[in-house]
């Protein structure tokens, strides 16, 4: 799977999960995803009437779906890996924000290409081993392609569902981002300067996606 398309599908899956997590906690995560996936597809469909003239409106709509349910600070901490301990509080906050908006701005528009597709939520394999964690499997069907998705949801201390990680067609997105950050931090271009890596994060991801698109990857 090509890099940018991988992230776009991930963003779609995250958005579906985000809509689901906003519902009542005592309802099955699978049922929530099934019930709310159509709402996301409606958002994508509606955006086609304005997205070219007002992309910021779509960025904000996507961000509104993701922010309440993805722990971007926790995600950013894992992406930064060992560099997180070296970072200042300001750097940690700034990277979490750059990580979020880099994801939204770079790939949100690709979601508008999702046409005549459907989302199939697979039934659970069995009762969860841990009531505070849910693994949900789904398939995102696009024209000619089927992307298997597995994502985890967990309850935080406030009893709210939050997305922890996602695997798209075997691609672990958390590990992928971590590898990108670690590689950038070791790149002579940035000389180990965390501020430079943080400020250039969107370019780092875009460059890796371009490389993946040129070489081709996935099924």
Protein backbone atom coordinates (compact mmCIF):
# COMPACT_ATOMS: atom_id res chain seq x y z
CA UNK A 1 0.00 0.00 0.00
CA UNK A 2 1.36 3.43 -0.87
CA UNK A 3 2.32 5.67 2.02
CA UNK A 4 -0.16 8.52 1.66
CA UNK A 5 -3.02 6.14 0.92
CA UNK A 6 -2.13 4.13 3.99
CA UNK A 7 -2.44 7.18 6.21
CA UNK A 8 -5.64 8.29 4.52
CA UNK A 9 -7.22 4.92 5.21
CA UNK A 10 -5.89 5.14 8.77
CA UNK A 11 -7.44 8.57 9.16
CA UNK A 12 -10.74 7.20 7.90
CA UNK A 13 -10.61 4.34 10.38
CA UNK A 14 -9.62 6.66 13.22
CA UNK A 15 -12.50 8.95 12.39
CA UNK A 16 -14.95 6.06 12.47
CA UNK A 17 -13.55 5.00 15.82
CA UNK A 18 -13.75 8.57 17.02
CA UNK A 19 -17.42 8.82 16.26
CA UNK A 20 -17.98 5.52 18.03
CA UNK A 21 -16.03 6.43 21.13
CA UNK A 22 -18.17 9.50 21.68
CA UNK A 23 -21.17 7.26 22.46
CA UNK A 24 -22.03 5.56 25.73
CA UNK A 25 -19.27 3.47 27.25
CA UNK A 26 -21.45 0.49 28.13
CA UNK A 27 -22.37 -0.14 24.49
CA UNK A 28 -20.33 -2.57 22.41
CA UNK A 29 -17.51 -0.82 20.56
CA UNK A 30 -18.36 -2.95 17.54
CA UNK A 31 -21.98 -1.82 17.59
CA UNK A 32 -20.91 1.80 17.98
CA UNK A 33 -18.59 1.64 14.99
CA UNK A 34 -21.25 -0.03 12.89
CA UNK A 35 -23.88 2.53 13.84
CA UNK A 36 -21.77 5.63 13.35
CA UNK A 37 -19.70 4.77 10.28
CA UNK A 38 -22.45 6.06 8.03
CA UNK A 39 -22.23 9.45 9.76
CA UNK A 40 -18.57 9.70 8.79
CA UNK A 41 -19.30 8.77 5.20
CA UNK A 42 -21.95 11.49 5.18
CA UNK A 43 -19.35 14.02 6.35
CA UNK A 44 -17.02 13.00 3.56
CA UNK A 45 -19.83 13.23 1.01
CA UNK A 46 -20.93 16.66 2.22
CA UNK A 47 -17.38 18.00 2.14
CA UNK A 48 -17.14 17.54 -1.62
CA UNK A 49 -19.42 20.54 -2.11
CA UNK A 50 -17.04 22.94 -0.35
CA UNK A 51 -13.64 21.35 0.22
CA UNK A 52 -11.89 22.87 -2.81
CA UNK A 53 -12.99 26.39 -1.90
CA UNK A 54 -12.71 25.99 1.87
CA UNK A 55 -10.32 23.18 2.82
CA UNK A 56 -9.85 24.67 6.30
CA UNK A 57 -13.49 23.88 7.03
CA UNK A 58 -12.87 20.22 6.27
CA UNK A 59 -9.61 20.15 8.23
CA UNK A 60 -11.45 21.50 11.25
CA UNK A 61 -14.30 19.02 10.83
CA UNK A 62 -11.88 16.09 10.73
CA UNK A 63 -9.91 17.47 13.67
CA UNK A 64 -13.13 17.82 15.63
CA UNK A 65 -13.79 14.11 15.14
CA UNK A 66 -10.33 13.01 16.14
CA UNK A 67 -9.29 15.24 19.04
CA UNK A 68 -11.88 14.13 21.61
CA UNK A 69 -11.00 10.46 21.22
CA UNK A 70 -7.33 10.16 20.32
CA UNK A 71 -4.79 10.73 23.06
CA UNK A 72 -2.46 12.78 20.87
CA UNK A 73 -0.17 13.57 23.78
CA UNK A 74 0.23 9.90 24.63
CA UNK A 75 0.62 9.00 20.97
CA UNK A 76 3.25 11.70 20.53
CA UNK A 77 5.11 10.47 23.60
CA UNK A 78 5.39 6.98 22.14
CA UNK A 79 6.41 8.34 18.75
CA UNK A 80 9.19 10.41 20.26
CA UNK A 81 10.36 7.29 22.10
CA UNK A 82 13.64 7.84 24.00
CA UNK A 83 13.72 11.46 22.83
CA UNK A 84 10.63 12.21 24.91
CA UNK A 85 12.68 12.10 28.11
CA UNK A 86 15.09 14.65 26.67
CA UNK A 87 12.36 16.99 25.50
CA UNK A 88 11.06 19.95 27.48
CA UNK A 89 7.38 20.27 28.34
CA UNK A 90 7.06 22.91 25.63
CA UNK A 91 8.64 20.62 23.04
CA UNK A 92 6.34 17.76 24.03
CA UNK A 93 3.25 19.94 23.72
CA UNK A 94 4.41 21.40 20.42
CA UNK A 95 5.13 18.01 18.90
CA UNK A 96 1.74 16.65 19.98
CA UNK A 97 0.08 19.60 18.26
CA UNK A 98 2.26 19.32 15.14
CA UNK A 99 1.64 15.60 15.02
CA UNK A 100 -2.11 16.11 15.13
CA UNK A 101 -2.32 18.89 12.56
CA UNK A 102 0.30 17.31 10.32
CA UNK A 103 -1.86 14.23 10.10
CA UNK A 104 -5.03 16.20 9.47
CA UNK A 105 -3.68 18.73 6.98
CA UNK A 106 -1.52 16.35 4.97
CA UNK A 107 -4.04 13.57 4.49
CA UNK A 108 -7.57 14.81 5.19
CA UNK A 109 -8.22 15.82 1.59
CA UNK A 110 -7.45 12.27 0.46
CA UNK A 111 -10.57 11.21 2.35
CA UNK A 112 -12.68 13.02 -0.23
CA UNK A 113 -11.50 10.43 -2.75
CA UNK A 114 -13.35 7.75 -0.81
CA UNK A 115 -16.20 7.16 -3.24
CA UNK A 116 -18.57 4.25 -3.56
CA UNK A 117 -16.82 2.59 -0.65
CA UNK A 118 -18.11 0.87 2.42
CA UNK A 119 -16.96 0.00 5.90
CA UNK A 120 -17.54 -3.49 7.25
CA UNK A 121 -17.15 -4.00 10.99
CA UNK A 122 -16.37 -7.62 11.75
CA UNK A 123 -18.01 -9.37 14.70
CA UNK A 124 -15.88 -9.78 17.81
CA UNK A 125 -13.86 -12.95 18.14
CA UNK A 126 -15.17 -13.38 21.66
CA UNK A 127 -15.58 -11.51 24.94
CA UNK A 128 -12.71 -9.12 25.69
CA UNK A 129 -10.09 -10.38 28.12
CA UNK A 130 -9.93 -6.93 29.66
CA UNK A 131 -13.18 -4.93 29.94
CA UNK A 132 -11.18 -1.73 29.69
CA UNK A 133 -9.71 -2.62 26.31
CA UNK A 134 -11.37 -3.47 23.02
CA UNK A 135 -9.88 -4.77 19.80
CA UNK A 136 -12.08 -4.05 16.80
CA UNK A 137 -11.50 -5.48 13.35
CA UNK A 138 -12.96 -3.87 10.27
CA UNK A 139 -12.55 -3.83 6.54
CA UNK A 140 -12.50 -0.63 4.50
CA UNK A 141 -13.63 -1.36 0.97
CA UNK A 142 -12.60 1.10 -1.73
CA UNK A 143 -12.75 0.73 -5.49
CA UNK A 144 -10.91 -2.51 -6.12
CA UNK A 145 -9.17 -2.65 -2.74
CA UNK A 146 -9.97 -4.03 0.69
CA UNK A 147 -7.95 -2.81 3.68
CA UNK A 148 -8.11 -4.89 6.87
CA UNK A 149 -7.98 -2.68 9.94
CA UNK A 150 -7.39 -3.53 13.57
CA UNK A 151 -7.49 -0.82 16.20
CA UNK A 152 -7.48 -0.79 19.96
CA UNK A 153 -9.67 1.27 22.26
CA UNK A 154 -9.11 1.63 25.97
CA UNK A 155 -10.80 3.38 28.86
CA UNK A 156 -8.89 6.19 30.53
CA UNK A 157 -9.15 7.12 34.19
CA UNK A 158 -12.20 9.24 33.44
CA UNK A 159 -13.97 6.25 31.91
CA UNK A 160 -13.67 7.64 28.39
CA UNK A 161 -12.70 5.57 25.37
CA UNK A 162 -9.46 6.59 23.70
CA UNK A 163 -7.76 5.18 20.61
CA UNK A 164 -4.36 3.69 21.33
CA UNK A 165 -3.04 2.33 18.05
CA UNK A 166 -4.10 1.12 14.65
CA UNK A 167 -2.82 -1.48 12.21
CA UNK A 168 -3.71 -1.10 8.53
CA UNK A 169 -3.05 -4.07 6.24
CA UNK A 170 -0.29 -5.18 8.58
CA UNK A 171 1.23 -1.70 8.90
CA UNK A 172 1.52 -0.69 12.55
CA UNK A 173 1.03 3.07 12.42
CA UNK A 174 2.46 3.74 15.87
CA UNK A 175 5.69 1.91 15.08
CA UNK A 176 5.87 3.56 11.65
CA UNK A 177 5.70 7.06 13.13
CA UNK A 178 8.21 6.15 15.82
CA UNK A 179 10.67 4.91 13.21
CA UNK A 180 10.24 8.14 11.25
CA UNK A 181 10.90 10.30 14.29
CA UNK A 182 13.94 8.31 15.43
CA UNK A 183 15.40 8.38 11.91
CA UNK A 184 14.87 12.12 11.61
CA UNK A 185 16.47 12.75 14.99
CA UNK A 186 19.54 10.83 13.82
CA UNK A 187 19.65 12.54 10.41
CA UNK A 188 22.59 14.90 9.91
CA UNK A 189 20.14 17.31 8.33
CA UNK A 190 18.69 18.05 11.77
CA UNK A 191 21.86 17.36 13.79
CA UNK A 192 19.88 15.83 16.63
CA UNK A 193 18.11 19.14 17.28
CA UNK A 194 14.65 18.22 18.58
CA UNK A 195 13.24 21.66 17.79
CA UNK A 196 14.17 21.23 14.13
CA UNK A 197 12.72 17.71 13.98
CA UNK A 198 9.49 18.86 15.62
CA UNK A 199 9.12 21.87 13.32
CA UNK A 200 9.84 19.73 10.25
CA UNK A 201 7.61 16.81 11.25
CA UNK A 202 5.07 17.25 8.46
CA UNK A 203 7.91 17.36 5.90
CA UNK A 204 9.47 14.23 7.43
CA UNK A 205 6.24 12.27 7.03
CA UNK A 206 5.59 13.66 3.55
CA UNK A 207 9.11 12.70 2.40
CA UNK A 208 8.70 9.13 3.65
CA UNK A 209 5.31 8.86 1.96
CA UNK A 210 6.81 10.09 -1.31
CA UNK A 211 9.53 7.46 -1.08
CA UNK A 212 6.93 4.77 -0.41
CA UNK A 213 4.87 5.93 -3.36
CA UNK A 214 7.86 5.75 -5.67
CA UNK A 215 8.96 2.30 -4.56
CA UNK A 216 5.50 0.85 -3.97
CA UNK A 217 4.59 -1.26 -0.98
CA UNK A 218 1.84 -3.36 0.55
CA UNK A 219 -0.49 -5.90 -1.06
